[in-house]
Amino acid sequence: MAKLYFNYGAMNAGKSTILLQAAYNYDERGMRTLLLKPAIDDRCEQSESIASRIGITGEANNFCGETDLEAYIKQKHAETPLNCILVDEAQFLSTQQVWQLARVADTTRLPVMCYGLRTDFKGELFTGSAALLAIADNIKEIKTLCWCGRKAIMTLRIAPDGQADSAGTQIEIGGNERYISLCRRHWAAKDSESPPPKK
C-alpha cells in the first residue's frame, strides 16, 4: 500500500538534496517521478526546478494555493504512468492540498513523499506541516546542527542588520542570508553566532 510521507527538518538539513536523491534513485531504475514545488518559492534561477544548496537541481512542476493536486497528479499519471510523487517546501501546502495528496496515495497506489519545514521563525507550525503531522503515514525528522553542536530544531529569521527578526509575516522566502538553524536554547536566546574561540 502506498503511503503519504512527511520528512521535515530545520533550514539547511538537506531536505531538497534528499528529495533529489530519491528522484535520481527512481530514475536510475527506469521509474518516473513527478516533482512538485510551490510557485511561491522562487529562489532558484529557473522557477520550475528544485535546487539544493550543494548544487544539485531537478526539473519540477509549480503549483499554487488553488491547485487541486489530486486532479493534477491523476491527470499526469493518466498521460504517462508515474511511480512516485515528490513535493518540496511542503510547509506551504494548504490543509486541503495535504488531504488531496493523501487521497492520491490511497487511491492511485503512488507513494507521496513531502519534504519541508515543521515550524516557522516564531516557532509556530506551518499550515501544511500541521496537516502532514496529523495525517501522514510516515513522519521522519531530517537532522541538522546548531552552531553549538546540538541538534537544530528551530529556524531564526535574521534582519538585514544581522539581528534576530521576531516580527513580520509567516512566509518570507529566503536562504542563508535570511535564516539560520538553531537548537531551541539558542533560538530562544536569539543567539545566532558562536562565541569566539578561547585563547
C-alpha atoms as a PDB file:
ATOM      1  CA  MET A   1       0.000   0.000   0.000  1.00  0.00           C
ATOM      2  CA  ALA A   2       1.320   3.438  -0.941  1.00  0.00           C
ATOM      3  CA  LYS A   3       1.858   5.943   1.852  1.00  0.00           C
ATOM      4  CA  LEU A   4       1.974   9.676   2.466  1.00  0.00           C
ATOM      5  CA  TYR A   5       5.372  10.601   3.888  1.00  0.00           C
ATOM      6  CA  PHE A   6       6.464  13.773   5.677  1.00  0.00           C
ATOM      7  CA  ASN A   7      10.196  14.379   6.009  1.00  0.00           C
ATOM      8  CA  TYR A   8      10.842  17.540   7.983  1.00  0.00           C
ATOM      9  CA  GLY A   9      13.825  19.439   9.292  1.00  0.00           C
ATOM     10  CA  ALA A  10      15.166  22.897  10.031  1.00  0.00           C
ATOM     11  CA  MET A  11      16.811  25.050   7.374  1.00  0.00           C
ATOM     12  CA  ASN A  12      19.993  23.535   5.886  1.00  0.00           C
ATOM     13  CA  ALA A  13      19.062  19.988   6.896  1.00  0.00           C
ATOM     14  CA  GLY A  14      19.387  18.822   3.281  1.00  0.00           C
ATOM     15  CA  LYS A  15      15.697  18.204   2.562  1.00  0.00           C
ATOM     16  CA  SER A  16      15.875  19.184  -1.115  1.00  0.00           C
ATOM     17  CA  THR A  17      19.070  17.174  -1.559  1.00  0.00           C
ATOM     18  CA  ILE A  18      17.396  14.061  -0.161  1.00  0.00           C
ATOM     19  CA  LEU A  19      14.334  14.649  -2.369  1.00  0.00           C
ATOM     20  CA  LEU A  20      16.510  14.923  -5.472  1.00  0.00           C
ATOM     21  CA  GLN A  21      18.464  11.816  -4.460  1.00  0.00           C
ATOM     22  CA  ALA A  22      15.174   9.893  -4.168  1.00  0.00           C
ATOM     23  CA  ALA A  23      14.150  11.127  -7.637  1.00  0.00           C
ATOM     24  CA  TYR A  24      17.519  10.011  -9.013  1.00  0.00           C
ATOM     25  CA  ASN A  25      17.116   6.555  -7.458  1.00  0.00           C
ATOM     26  CA  TYR A  26      13.727   6.094  -9.122  1.00  0.00           C
ATOM     27  CA  ASP A  27      15.056   7.369 -12.461  1.00  0.00           C
ATOM     28  CA  GLU A  28      18.054   5.044 -12.291  1.00  0.00           C
ATOM     29  CA  ARG A  29      15.641   2.115 -12.089  1.00  0.00           C
ATOM     30  CA  GLY A  30      13.584   3.303 -15.055  1.00  0.00           C
ATOM     31  CA  MET A  31      10.753   4.641 -12.915  1.00  0.00           C
ATOM     32  CA  ARG A  32       9.041   8.035 -13.397  1.00  0.00           C
ATOM     33  CA  THR A  33       8.632  10.623 -10.691  1.00  0.00           C
ATOM     34  CA  LEU A  34       6.681  13.860 -10.569  1.00  0.00           C
ATOM     35  CA  LEU A  35       8.462  16.637  -8.684  1.00  0.00           C
ATOM     36  CA  LEU A  36       6.257  19.414  -7.332  1.00  0.00           C
ATOM     37  CA  LYS A  37       7.105  22.708  -5.666  1.00  0.00           C
ATOM     38  CA  PRO A  38       5.047  25.726  -4.628  1.00  0.00           C
ATOM     39  CA  ALA A  39       5.239  28.635  -7.047  1.00  0.00           C
ATOM     40  CA  ILE A  40       5.846  30.945  -4.076  1.00  0.00           C
ATOM     41  CA  ASP A  41       9.383  29.544  -3.736  1.00  0.00           C
ATOM     42  CA  ASP A  42      11.210  31.485  -6.455  1.00  0.00           C
ATOM     43  CA  ARG A  43      14.746  31.283  -5.091  1.00  0.00           C
ATOM     44  CA  CYS A  44      16.016  29.175  -7.995  1.00  0.00           C
ATOM     45  CA  GLU A  45      17.064  30.980 -11.194  1.00  0.00           C
ATOM     46  CA  GLN A  46      14.792  28.603 -13.057  1.00  0.00           C
ATOM     47  CA  SER A  47      11.493  28.838 -11.230  1.00  0.00           C
ATOM     48  CA  GLU A  48      10.412  25.406 -12.449  1.00  0.00           C
ATOM     49  CA  SER A  49      13.171  23.494 -10.728  1.00  0.00           C
ATOM     50  CA  ILE A  50      14.239  22.355  -7.289  1.00  0.00           C
ATOM     51  CA  ALA A  51      17.745  23.318  -6.228  1.00  0.00           C
ATOM     52  CA  SER A  52      19.708  22.113  -3.226  1.00  0.00           C
ATOM     53  CA  ARG A  53      22.376  24.181  -1.501  1.00  0.00           C
ATOM     54  CA  ILE A  54      25.080  21.774  -2.661  1.00  0.00           C
ATOM     55  CA  GLY A  55      24.340  22.470  -6.316  1.00  0.00           C
ATOM     56  CA  ILE A  56      22.026  19.615  -7.315  1.00  0.00           C
ATOM     57  CA  THR A  57      18.933  20.573  -9.309  1.00  0.00           C
ATOM     58  CA  GLY A  58      15.920  18.825 -10.759  1.00  0.00           C
ATOM     59  CA  GLU A  59      13.068  19.839 -13.029  1.00  0.00           C
ATOM     60  CA  ALA A  60       9.818  20.429 -11.134  1.00  0.00           C
ATOM     61  CA  ASN A  61       6.214  21.442 -11.724  1.00  0.00           C
ATOM     62  CA  ASN A  62       4.992  24.517  -9.872  1.00  0.00           C
ATOM     63  CA  PHE A  63       1.670  24.653  -8.082  1.00  0.00           C
ATOM     64  CA  CYS A  64      -0.203  27.443  -6.312  1.00  0.00           C
ATOM     65  CA  GLY A  65      -2.545  27.552  -3.339  1.00  0.00           C
ATOM     66  CA  GLU A  66      -5.586  26.972  -5.546  1.00  0.00           C
ATOM     67  CA  THR A  67      -4.178  23.932  -7.384  1.00  0.00           C
ATOM     68  CA  ASP A  68      -6.145  20.719  -6.924  1.00  0.00           C
ATOM     69  CA  LEU A  69      -3.158  18.427  -6.518  1.00  0.00           C
ATOM     70  CA  GLU A  70      -5.225  15.256  -6.608  1.00  0.00           C
ATOM     71  CA  ALA A  71      -6.711  16.137 -10.007  1.00  0.00           C
ATOM     72  CA  TYR A  72      -3.362  17.413 -11.304  1.00  0.00           C
ATOM     73  CA  ILE A  73      -1.438  14.287 -10.310  1.00  0.00           C
ATOM     74  CA  LYS A  74      -4.116  11.939 -11.629  1.00  0.00           C
ATOM     75  CA  GLN A  75      -4.070  13.758 -14.970  1.00  0.00           C
ATOM     76  CA  LYS A  76      -0.266  13.455 -15.202  1.00  0.00           C
ATOM     77  CA  HIS A  77      -0.464   9.795 -14.175  1.00  0.00           C
ATOM     78  CA  ALA A  78      -3.058   9.104 -16.909  1.00  0.00           C
ATOM     79  CA  GLU A  79      -0.835  10.757 -19.540  1.00  0.00           C
ATOM     80  CA  THR A  80       2.280   8.789 -18.558  1.00  0.00           C
ATOM     81  CA  PRO A  81       2.259   6.330 -15.636  1.00  0.00           C
ATOM     82  CA  LEU A  82       4.124   7.588 -12.571  1.00  0.00           C
ATOM     83  CA  ASN A  83       5.857   5.693  -9.776  1.00  0.00           C
ATOM     84  CA  CYS A  84       6.290   8.350  -7.091  1.00  0.00           C
ATOM     85  CA  ILE A  85       5.290  11.927  -6.224  1.00  0.00           C
ATOM     86  CA  LEU A  86       7.890  14.178  -4.548  1.00  0.00           C
ATOM     87  CA  VAL A  87       6.856  17.518  -3.009  1.00  0.00           C
ATOM     88  CA  ASP A  88       9.396  20.155  -1.945  1.00  0.00           C
ATOM     89  CA  GLU A  89       8.695  23.003   0.531  1.00  0.00           C
ATOM     90  CA  ALA A  90       5.635  21.096   1.751  1.00  0.00           C
ATOM     91  CA  GLN A  91       5.087  23.557   4.596  1.00  0.00           C
ATOM     92  CA  PHE A  92       3.400  25.825   2.027  1.00  0.00           C
ATOM     93  CA  LEU A  93       0.680  23.286   1.214  1.00  0.00           C
ATOM     94  CA  SER A  94      -2.853  24.082   2.311  1.00  0.00           C
ATOM     95  CA  THR A  95      -4.696  21.648   4.571  1.00  0.00           C
ATOM     96  CA  GLN A  96      -6.933  20.773   1.623  1.00  0.00           C
ATOM     97  CA  GLN A  97      -3.902  20.006  -0.558  1.00  0.00           C
ATOM     98  CA  VAL A  98      -2.462  17.676   2.077  1.00  0.00           C
ATOM     99  CA  TRP A  99      -5.736  15.736   2.048  1.00  0.00           C
ATOM    100  CA  GLN A 100      -5.592  15.685  -1.752  1.00  0.00           C
ATOM    101  CA  LEU A 101      -2.125  14.133  -1.563  1.00  0.00           C
ATOM    102  CA  ALA A 102      -3.382  11.587   0.961  1.00  0.00           C
ATOM    103  CA  ARG A 103      -6.141  10.566  -1.452  1.00  0.00           C
ATOM    104  CA  VAL A 104      -3.540  10.199  -4.219  1.00  0.00           C
ATOM    105  CA  ALA A 105      -1.616   7.749  -2.041  1.00  0.00           C
ATOM    106  CA  ASP A 106      -4.796   5.924  -1.036  1.00  0.00           C
ATOM    107  CA  THR A 107      -6.460   5.637  -4.464  1.00  0.00           C
ATOM    108  CA  THR A 108      -3.665   5.559  -7.052  1.00  0.00           C
ATOM    109  CA  ARG A 109      -1.158   3.480  -5.076  1.00  0.00           C
ATOM    110  CA  LEU A 110       1.506   6.122  -5.663  1.00  0.00           C
ATOM    111  CA  PRO A 111       3.777   6.972  -2.735  1.00  0.00           C
ATOM    112  CA  VAL A 112       3.751  10.702  -1.979  1.00  0.00           C
ATOM    113  CA  MET A 113       6.916  11.986  -0.307  1.00  0.00           C
ATOM    114  CA  CYS A 114       6.760  15.508   1.164  1.00  0.00           C
ATOM    115  CA  TYR A 115       9.752  17.491   2.393  1.00  0.00           C
ATOM    116  CA  GLY A 116       9.597  20.748   4.346  1.00  0.00           C
ATOM    117  CA  LEU A 117       9.984  22.786   7.484  1.00  0.00           C
ATOM    118  CA  ARG A 118       7.966  21.927  10.572  1.00  0.00           C
ATOM    119  CA  THR A 119       7.835  25.361  12.191  1.00  0.00           C
ATOM    120  CA  ASP A 120       8.345  28.984  11.175  1.00  0.00           C
ATOM    121  CA  PHE A 121      10.726  31.583  12.617  1.00  0.00           C
ATOM    122  CA  LYS A 122       8.303  32.196  15.518  1.00  0.00           C
ATOM    123  CA  GLY A 123       8.274  28.513  16.450  1.00  0.00           C
ATOM    124  CA  GLU A 124       4.735  28.002  15.130  1.00  0.00           C
ATOM    125  CA  LEU A 125       3.592  25.229  12.812  1.00  0.00           C
ATOM    126  CA  PHE A 126       3.096  25.974   9.143  1.00  0.00           C
ATOM    127  CA  THR A 127      -0.355  25.041   7.829  1.00  0.00           C
ATOM    128  CA  GLY A 128       0.940  22.315   5.531  1.00  0.00           C
ATOM    129  CA  SER A 129       3.237  20.880   8.178  1.00  0.00           C
ATOM    130  CA  ALA A 130       0.463  20.758  10.773  1.00  0.00           C
ATOM    131  CA  ALA A 131      -1.769  18.820   8.382  1.00  0.00           C
ATOM    132  CA  LEU A 132       1.048  16.441   7.420  1.00  0.00           C
ATOM    133  CA  LEU A 133       1.927  15.793  11.065  1.00  0.00           C
ATOM    134  CA  ALA A 134      -1.727  14.989  11.649  1.00  0.00           C
ATOM    135  CA  ILE A 135      -2.376  12.553   8.779  1.00  0.00           C
ATOM    136  CA  ALA A 136       0.884  11.369   7.181  1.00  0.00           C
ATOM    137  CA  ASP A 137       1.505   7.619   7.375  1.00  0.00           C
ATOM    138  CA  ASN A 138       5.213   8.062   7.932  1.00  0.00           C
ATOM    139  CA  ILE A 139       6.925  11.023   9.632  1.00  0.00           C
ATOM    140  CA  LYS A 140      10.704  11.384   9.744  1.00  0.00           C
ATOM    141  CA  GLU A 141      12.975  14.118  11.049  1.00  0.00           C
ATOM    142  CA  ILE A 142      15.979  15.116   8.934  1.00  0.00           C
ATOM    143  CA  LYS A 143      18.576  16.340  11.386  1.00  0.00           C
ATOM    144  CA  THR A 144      20.993  19.250  11.205  1.00  0.00           C
ATOM    145  CA  LEU A 145      23.186  21.079  13.721  1.00  0.00           C
ATOM    146  CA  CYS A 146      23.139  24.350  15.619  1.00  0.00           C
ATOM    147  CA  TRP A 147      26.425  26.240  15.778  1.00  0.00           C
ATOM    148  CA  CYS A 148      26.901  24.834  19.300  1.00  0.00           C
ATOM    149  CA  GLY A 149      26.788  21.241  18.084  1.00  0.00           C
ATOM    150  CA  ARG A 150      23.337  20.397  19.443  1.00  0.00           C
ATOM    151  CA  LYS A 151      20.546  19.298  17.141  1.00  0.00           C
ATOM    152  CA  ALA A 152      18.942  22.298  15.427  1.00  0.00           C
ATOM    153  CA  ILE A 153      15.147  22.136  15.520  1.00  0.00           C
ATOM    154  CA  MET A 154      14.279  25.839  15.191  1.00  0.00           C
ATOM    155  CA  THR A 155      14.736  28.459  12.485  1.00  0.00           C
ATOM    156  CA  LEU A 156      15.665  32.063  13.296  1.00  0.00           C
ATOM    157  CA  ARG A 157      14.940  34.877  10.841  1.00  0.00           C
ATOM    158  CA  ILE A 158      17.735  37.426  10.544  1.00  0.00           C
ATOM    159  CA  ALA A 159      17.115  41.096   9.736  1.00  0.00           C
ATOM    160  CA  PRO A 160      19.350  42.933   7.223  1.00  0.00           C
ATOM    161  CA  ASP A 161      21.335  44.403  10.142  1.00  0.00           C
ATOM    162  CA  GLY A 162      22.189  40.904  11.351  1.00  0.00           C
ATOM    163  CA  GLN A 163      19.893  40.995  14.372  1.00  0.00           C
ATOM    164  CA  ALA A 164      17.136  38.476  15.092  1.00  0.00           C
ATOM    165  CA  ASP A 165      13.849  39.386  13.425  1.00  0.00           C
ATOM    166  CA  SER A 166      10.881  38.385  15.582  1.00  0.00           C
ATOM    167  CA  ALA A 167       8.133  40.231  13.688  1.00  0.00           C
ATOM    168  CA  GLY A 168       6.604  40.023  10.244  1.00  0.00           C
ATOM    169  CA  THR A 169       4.570  37.676   8.132  1.00  0.00           C
ATOM    170  CA  GLN A 170       4.982  33.925   8.462  1.00  0.00           C
ATOM    171  CA  ILE A 171       6.025  33.410   4.861  1.00  0.00           C
ATOM    172  CA  GLU A 172       9.071  35.242   3.577  1.00  0.00           C
ATOM    173  CA  ILE A 173      11.210  33.362   1.095  1.00  0.00           C
ATOM    174  CA  GLY A 174      14.935  33.399   1.797  1.00  0.00           C
ATOM    175  CA  GLY A 175      18.062  31.357   2.264  1.00  0.00           C
ATOM    176  CA  ASN A 176      21.194  31.579   4.385  1.00  0.00           C
ATOM    177  CA  GLU A 177      21.150  35.362   4.172  1.00  0.00           C
ATOM    178  CA  ARG A 178      17.791  35.432   5.978  1.00  0.00           C
ATOM    179  CA  TYR A 179      17.532  32.307   8.131  1.00  0.00           C
ATOM    180  CA  ILE A 180      19.708  30.248  10.457  1.00  0.00           C
ATOM    181  CA  SER A 181      19.028  26.898  12.126  1.00  0.00           C
ATOM    182  CA  LEU A 182      19.468  26.754  15.883  1.00  0.00           C
ATOM    183  CA  CYS A 183      18.837  24.495  18.852  1.00  0.00           C
ATOM    184  CA  ARG A 184      15.865  25.557  20.980  1.00  0.00           C
ATOM    185  CA  ARG A 185      18.093  27.150  23.622  1.00  0.00           C
ATOM    186  CA  HIS A 186      19.928  29.453  21.229  1.00  0.00           C
ATOM    187  CA  TRP A 187      16.753  30.180  19.244  1.00  0.00           C
ATOM    188  CA  ALA A 188      15.029  31.335  22.465  1.00  0.00           C
ATOM    189  CA  ALA A 189      18.066  33.492  23.294  1.00  0.00           C
ATOM    190  CA  LYS A 190      18.172  34.812  19.694  1.00  0.00           C
ATOM    191  CA  ASP A 191      21.827  33.815  19.742  1.00  0.00           C
ATOM    192  CA  SER A 192      22.781  33.253  16.128  1.00  0.00           C
ATOM    193  CA  GLU A 193      26.563  33.337  16.426  1.00  0.00           C
ATOM    194  CA  SER A 194      29.086  31.112  18.082  1.00  0.00           C
ATOM    195  CA  PRO A 195      31.326  32.738  20.704  1.00  0.00           C
ATOM    196  CA  PRO A 196      34.937  33.489  19.740  1.00  0.00           C
ATOM    197  CA  PRO A 197      37.388  30.680  20.481  1.00  0.00           C
ATOM    198  CA  LYS A 198      39.127  30.768  23.856  1.00  0.00           C
ATOM    199  CA  LYS A 199      42.795  31.755  23.801  1.00  0.00           C
END
